[in-house]
Amino acid sequence: MKGKYFVIAFVLMAIVVAACSTSSLTPEEKAAQKMRIAEAVASAIDNRRFKVEVNYMKPFRGPNRHLSFGYEIRVSGDTLYSYLPYFGAAYNVPYGGGKGLNWDAPLTGYQVSAGRKGATIVEMTAYNGEDYFLYSLELMPNGTAYLNVRSRDREPISFSGDMDLRTD
């Protein structure tokens, strides 16, 4: 019986020591970390090399939905890669629904402007062989992203997620 209490006490003490050993960042370190993230976001936009992982969808009609992992848009040079779900009305699409929002195509336009609260607005246009698209991406300095997708033949749809800031 004594051994059982000893083991429990030892485990509790180990948990307390582990919790105390994690150091929180000082205000200066937090500010430096925010600055590094903001610089990484700005650099990715300027270089036209970034990925936004989408985790939430807001259709024009119907309920908002959380998404599983794996949905994203990616810009690599002059190409837009779109892997997104679509829920909404489509007006003039090929039989079977066409490509939807799953395609890659050359960018026909790429414009960067300043948004509110330090955000950067990136407007990208592309033609995927079936439809013309406008991807309006609002990127916050912390990497949070809001995406509005408009096309000629489909209802608009919005997404939110985070910029992938890994440098691998």
C-alpha atoms as a PDB file:
ATOM      1  CA  MET A   1       0.000   0.000   0.000  1.00  0.00           C
ATOM      2  CA  LYS A   2       2.880   2.360   0.846  1.00  0.00           C
ATOM      3  CA  GLY A   3       4.402   1.779  -2.595  1.00  0.00           C
ATOM      4  CA  LYS A   4       1.154   2.769  -4.308  1.00  0.00           C
ATOM      5  CA  TYR A   5       1.055   6.157  -2.553  1.00  0.00           C
ATOM      6  CA  PHE A   6       4.716   6.689  -3.306  1.00  0.00           C
ATOM      7  CA  VAL A   7       4.124   6.124  -7.031  1.00  0.00           C
ATOM      8  CA  ILE A   8       1.121   8.491  -7.038  1.00  0.00           C
ATOM      9  CA  ALA A   9       3.081  11.163  -5.159  1.00  0.00           C
ATOM     10  CA  PHE A  10       6.040  10.735  -7.527  1.00  0.00           C
ATOM     11  CA  VAL A  11       3.830  11.104 -10.623  1.00  0.00           C
ATOM     12  CA  LEU A  12       2.130  14.213  -9.215  1.00  0.00           C
ATOM     13  CA  MET A  13       5.479  15.758  -8.355  1.00  0.00           C
ATOM     14  CA  ALA A  14       6.775  15.035 -11.865  1.00  0.00           C
ATOM     15  CA  ILE A  15       3.727  16.754 -13.368  1.00  0.00           C
ATOM     16  CA  VAL A  16       4.213  19.818 -11.144  1.00  0.00           C
ATOM     17  CA  VAL A  17       7.910  20.040 -12.020  1.00  0.00           C
ATOM     18  CA  ALA A  18       7.144  19.696 -15.740  1.00  0.00           C
ATOM     19  CA  ALA A  19       4.475  22.411 -15.541  1.00  0.00           C
ATOM     20  CA  CYS A  20       6.788  24.771 -13.690  1.00  0.00           C
ATOM     21  CA  SER A  21       9.693  24.173 -16.038  1.00  0.00           C
ATOM     22  CA  THR A  22       7.847  25.520 -19.078  1.00  0.00           C
ATOM     23  CA  SER A  23       8.842  29.139 -19.300  1.00  0.00           C
ATOM     24  CA  SER A  24       6.475  31.718 -20.652  1.00  0.00           C
ATOM     25  CA  LEU A  25       7.732  34.318 -23.065  1.00  0.00           C
ATOM     26  CA  THR A  26       8.596  37.780 -21.876  1.00  0.00           C
ATOM     27  CA  PRO A  27       6.790  40.719 -23.512  1.00  0.00           C
ATOM     28  CA  GLU A  28       9.927  41.495 -25.533  1.00  0.00           C
ATOM     29  CA  GLU A  29      10.129  37.911 -26.794  1.00  0.00           C
ATOM     30  CA  LYS A  30       6.435  37.961 -27.715  1.00  0.00           C
ATOM     31  CA  ALA A  31       6.903  41.210 -29.660  1.00  0.00           C
ATOM     32  CA  ALA A  32       9.949  39.786 -31.457  1.00  0.00           C
ATOM     33  CA  GLN A  33       7.999  36.626 -32.318  1.00  0.00           C
ATOM     34  CA  LYS A  34       5.090  38.686 -33.713  1.00  0.00           C
ATOM     35  CA  MET A  35       7.549  40.698 -35.784  1.00  0.00           C
ATOM     36  CA  ARG A  36       9.175  37.539 -37.198  1.00  0.00           C
ATOM     37  CA  ILE A  37       5.764  36.146 -38.188  1.00  0.00           C
ATOM     38  CA  ALA A  38       4.693  39.430 -39.815  1.00  0.00           C
ATOM     39  CA  GLU A  39       7.976  39.541 -41.771  1.00  0.00           C
ATOM     40  CA  ALA A  40       7.518  35.934 -42.911  1.00  0.00           C
ATOM     41  CA  VAL A  41       3.975  36.714 -44.129  1.00  0.00           C
ATOM     42  CA  ALA A  42       5.139  39.825 -46.007  1.00  0.00           C
ATOM     43  CA  SER A  43       8.087  37.982 -47.562  1.00  0.00           C
ATOM     44  CA  ALA A  44       5.881  35.107 -48.753  1.00  0.00           C
ATOM     45  CA  ILE A  45       3.445  37.537 -50.380  1.00  0.00           C
ATOM     46  CA  ASP A  46       6.245  39.495 -52.084  1.00  0.00           C
ATOM     47  CA  ASN A  47       7.903  36.296 -53.350  1.00  0.00           C
ATOM     48  CA  ARG A  48       4.577  34.853 -54.546  1.00  0.00           C
ATOM     49  CA  ARG A  49       5.327  31.629 -52.692  1.00  0.00           C
ATOM     50  CA  PHE A  50       2.832  30.762 -49.997  1.00  0.00           C
ATOM     51  CA  LYS A  51       0.223  28.271 -48.911  1.00  0.00           C
ATOM     52  CA  VAL A  52      -2.986  28.874 -46.976  1.00  0.00           C
ATOM     53  CA  GLU A  53      -4.462  25.893 -45.155  1.00  0.00           C
ATOM     54  CA  VAL A  54      -8.240  26.270 -45.036  1.00  0.00           C
ATOM     55  CA  ASN A  55     -10.237  24.955 -42.082  1.00  0.00           C
ATOM     56  CA  TYR A  56     -13.599  26.743 -42.302  1.00  0.00           C
ATOM     57  CA  MET A  57     -16.058  27.268 -45.149  1.00  0.00           C
ATOM     58  CA  LYS A  58     -18.844  29.850 -45.467  1.00  0.00           C
ATOM     59  CA  PRO A  59     -21.115  29.137 -48.458  1.00  0.00           C
ATOM     60  CA  PHE A  60     -23.287  31.904 -49.889  1.00  0.00           C
ATOM     61  CA  ARG A  61     -26.329  29.866 -48.839  1.00  0.00           C
ATOM     62  CA  GLY A  62     -26.494  27.193 -46.213  1.00  0.00           C
ATOM     63  CA  PRO A  63     -24.653  26.579 -42.976  1.00  0.00           C
ATOM     64  CA  ASN A  64     -21.002  27.301 -42.295  1.00  0.00           C
ATOM     65  CA  ARG A  65     -18.842  24.203 -41.964  1.00  0.00           C
ATOM     66  CA  HIS A  66     -15.601  23.179 -40.344  1.00  0.00           C
ATOM     67  CA  LEU A  67     -13.328  21.353 -42.751  1.00  0.00           C
ATOM     68  CA  SER A  68     -10.992  18.470 -42.243  1.00  0.00           C
ATOM     69  CA  PHE A  69      -7.315  18.934 -42.994  1.00  0.00           C
ATOM     70  CA  GLY A  70      -5.981  18.955 -46.509  1.00  0.00           C
ATOM     71  CA  TYR A  71      -7.849  21.864 -48.118  1.00  0.00           C
ATOM     72  CA  GLU A  72      -5.621  24.663 -49.300  1.00  0.00           C
ATOM     73  CA  ILE A  73      -4.659  27.223 -51.877  1.00  0.00           C
ATOM     74  CA  ARG A  74      -1.077  27.686 -52.901  1.00  0.00           C
ATOM     75  CA  VAL A  75       0.685  30.297 -54.973  1.00  0.00           C
ATOM     76  CA  SER A  76       3.960  29.335 -56.561  1.00  0.00           C
ATOM     77  CA  GLY A  77       5.363  32.017 -58.812  1.00  0.00           C
ATOM     78  CA  ASP A  78       2.758  32.703 -61.473  1.00  0.00           C
ATOM     79  CA  THR A  79       0.529  29.687 -60.748  1.00  0.00           C
ATOM     80  CA  LEU A  80      -2.450  29.350 -58.412  1.00  0.00           C
ATOM     81  CA  TYR A  81      -3.168  25.874 -57.035  1.00  0.00           C
ATOM     82  CA  SER A  82      -6.666  25.540 -55.608  1.00  0.00           C
ATOM     83  CA  TYR A  83      -7.861  22.516 -53.633  1.00  0.00           C
ATOM     84  CA  LEU A  84     -11.109  23.663 -52.020  1.00  0.00           C
ATOM     85  CA  PRO A  85     -14.607  22.235 -51.559  1.00  0.00           C
ATOM     86  CA  TYR A  86     -17.552  24.004 -53.140  1.00  0.00           C
ATOM     87  CA  PHE A  87     -21.149  24.165 -51.962  1.00  0.00           C
ATOM     88  CA  GLY A  88     -23.507  26.442 -53.823  1.00  0.00           C
ATOM     89  CA  ALA A  89     -25.371  27.036 -57.022  1.00  0.00           C
ATOM     90  CA  ALA A  90     -23.550  26.645 -60.306  1.00  0.00           C
ATOM     91  CA  TYR A  91     -25.136  28.323 -63.322  1.00  0.00           C
ATOM     92  CA  ASN A  92     -23.214  27.196 -66.365  1.00  0.00           C
ATOM     93  CA  VAL A  93     -20.814  24.346 -65.689  1.00  0.00           C
ATOM     94  CA  PRO A  94     -19.872  21.206 -67.629  1.00  0.00           C
ATOM     95  CA  TYR A  95     -21.857  18.023 -67.131  1.00  0.00           C
ATOM     96  CA  GLY A  96     -20.843  16.386 -63.855  1.00  0.00           C
ATOM     97  CA  GLY A  97     -19.944  19.666 -62.162  1.00  0.00           C
ATOM     98  CA  GLY A  98     -16.635  20.346 -63.834  1.00  0.00           C
ATOM     99  CA  LYS A  99     -13.476  21.049 -61.894  1.00  0.00           C
ATOM    100  CA  GLY A 100     -15.179  23.035 -59.143  1.00  0.00           C
ATOM    101  CA  LEU A 101     -12.453  24.684 -57.065  1.00  0.00           C
ATOM    102  CA  ASN A 102      -9.919  21.859 -57.583  1.00  0.00           C
ATOM    103  CA  TRP A 103      -7.497  23.008 -60.241  1.00  0.00           C
ATOM    104  CA  ASP A 104      -4.245  24.776 -60.975  1.00  0.00           C
ATOM    105  CA  ALA A 105      -3.911  27.556 -63.506  1.00  0.00           C
ATOM    106  CA  PRO A 106      -1.623  30.444 -64.399  1.00  0.00           C
ATOM    107  CA  LEU A 107      -2.396  33.710 -62.668  1.00  0.00           C
ATOM    108  CA  THR A 108      -3.797  36.331 -65.018  1.00  0.00           C
ATOM    109  CA  GLY A 109      -3.601  39.000 -62.311  1.00  0.00           C
ATOM    110  CA  TYR A 110      -1.888  39.490 -58.942  1.00  0.00           C
ATOM    111  CA  GLN A 111      -2.451  42.702 -57.025  1.00  0.00           C
ATOM    112  CA  VAL A 112      -1.362  43.474 -53.457  1.00  0.00           C
ATOM    113  CA  SER A 113      -2.844  46.307 -51.385  1.00  0.00           C
ATOM    114  CA  ALA A 114      -3.006  47.349 -47.755  1.00  0.00           C
ATOM    115  CA  GLY A 115      -6.098  46.415 -45.775  1.00  0.00           C
ATOM    116  CA  ARG A 116      -7.391  47.518 -42.407  1.00  0.00           C
ATOM    117  CA  LYS A 117      -5.782  46.577 -39.092  1.00  0.00           C
ATOM    118  CA  GLY A 118      -2.446  45.834 -40.743  1.00  0.00           C
ATOM    119  CA  ALA A 119      -3.863  43.249 -43.141  1.00  0.00           C
ATOM    120  CA  THR A 120      -2.625  42.707 -46.673  1.00  0.00           C
ATOM    121  CA  ILE A 121      -5.127  42.106 -49.461  1.00  0.00           C
ATOM    122  CA  VAL A 122      -3.985  39.877 -52.326  1.00  0.00           C
ATOM    123  CA  GLU A 123      -6.326  39.737 -55.309  1.00  0.00           C
ATOM    124  CA  MET A 124      -5.593  36.993 -57.802  1.00  0.00           C
ATOM    125  CA  THR A 125      -7.392  36.226 -61.029  1.00  0.00           C
ATOM    126  CA  ALA A 126      -7.146  33.023 -63.021  1.00  0.00           C
ATOM    127  CA  TYR A 127      -8.876  31.101 -65.796  1.00  0.00           C
ATOM    128  CA  ASN A 128      -8.938  27.329 -65.324  1.00  0.00           C
ATOM    129  CA  GLY A 129     -10.281  26.402 -68.768  1.00  0.00           C
ATOM    130  CA  GLU A 130     -13.908  26.399 -67.586  1.00  0.00           C
ATOM    131  CA  ASP A 131     -14.449  29.625 -65.677  1.00  0.00           C
ATOM    132  CA  TYR A 132     -12.863  32.906 -64.615  1.00  0.00           C
ATOM    133  CA  PHE A 133     -12.065  33.236 -60.898  1.00  0.00           C
ATOM    134  CA  LEU A 134     -11.232  36.059 -58.518  1.00  0.00           C
ATOM    135  CA  TYR A 135      -9.550  34.957 -55.285  1.00  0.00           C
ATOM    136  CA  SER A 136      -9.491  37.817 -52.799  1.00  0.00           C
ATOM    137  CA  LEU A 137      -7.233  36.873 -49.908  1.00  0.00           C
ATOM    138  CA  GLU A 138      -6.956  38.959 -46.740  1.00  0.00           C
ATOM    139  CA  LEU A 139      -3.840  38.032 -44.764  1.00  0.00           C
ATOM    140  CA  MET A 140      -3.394  39.291 -41.231  1.00  0.00           C
ATOM    141  CA  PRO A 141       0.123  39.933 -39.851  1.00  0.00           C
ATOM    142  CA  ASN A 142      -0.216  36.827 -37.618  1.00  0.00           C
ATOM    143  CA  GLY A 143      -0.869  34.552 -40.622  1.00  0.00           C
ATOM    144  CA  THR A 144      -4.654  34.291 -40.276  1.00  0.00           C
ATOM    145  CA  ALA A 145      -6.289  34.249 -43.704  1.00  0.00           C
ATOM    146  CA  TYR A 146      -9.745  35.071 -45.064  1.00  0.00           C
ATOM    147  CA  LEU A 147     -10.504  34.068 -48.642  1.00  0.00           C
ATOM    148  CA  ASN A 148     -13.423  35.118 -50.843  1.00  0.00           C
ATOM    149  CA  VAL A 149     -13.849  33.245 -54.117  1.00  0.00           C
ATOM    150  CA  ARG A 150     -15.961  34.658 -56.924  1.00  0.00           C
ATOM    151  CA  SER A 151     -16.498  33.233 -60.362  1.00  0.00           C
ATOM    152  CA  ARG A 152     -18.605  34.005 -63.364  1.00  0.00           C
ATOM    153  CA  ASP A 153     -20.641  30.775 -63.251  1.00  0.00           C
ATOM    154  CA  ARG A 154     -20.924  29.975 -59.528  1.00  0.00           C
ATOM    155  CA  GLU A 155     -22.207  31.610 -56.367  1.00  0.00           C
ATOM    156  CA  PRO A 156     -19.498  33.212 -54.233  1.00  0.00           C
ATOM    157  CA  ILE A 157     -18.038  31.299 -51.297  1.00  0.00           C
ATOM    158  CA  SER A 158     -15.714  32.264 -48.428  1.00  0.00           C
ATOM    159  CA  PHE A 159     -13.102  30.383 -46.446  1.00  0.00           C
ATOM    160  CA  SER A 160     -10.837  31.039 -43.501  1.00  0.00           C
ATOM    161  CA  GLY A 161      -7.654  29.413 -42.314  1.00  0.00           C
ATOM    162  CA  ASP A 162      -4.003  30.074 -41.642  1.00  0.00           C
ATOM    163  CA  MET A 163      -0.947  30.703 -43.745  1.00  0.00           C
ATOM    164  CA  ASP A 164       1.581  27.887 -43.544  1.00  0.00           C
ATOM    165  CA  LEU A 165       4.736  29.639 -42.324  1.00  0.00           C
ATOM    166  CA  ARG A 166       6.993  26.593 -42.262  1.00  0.00           C
ATOM    167  CA  THR A 167      10.212  27.080 -44.143  1.00  0.00           C
ATOM    168  CA  ASP A 168      10.838  23.456 -45.144  1.00  0.00           C
END
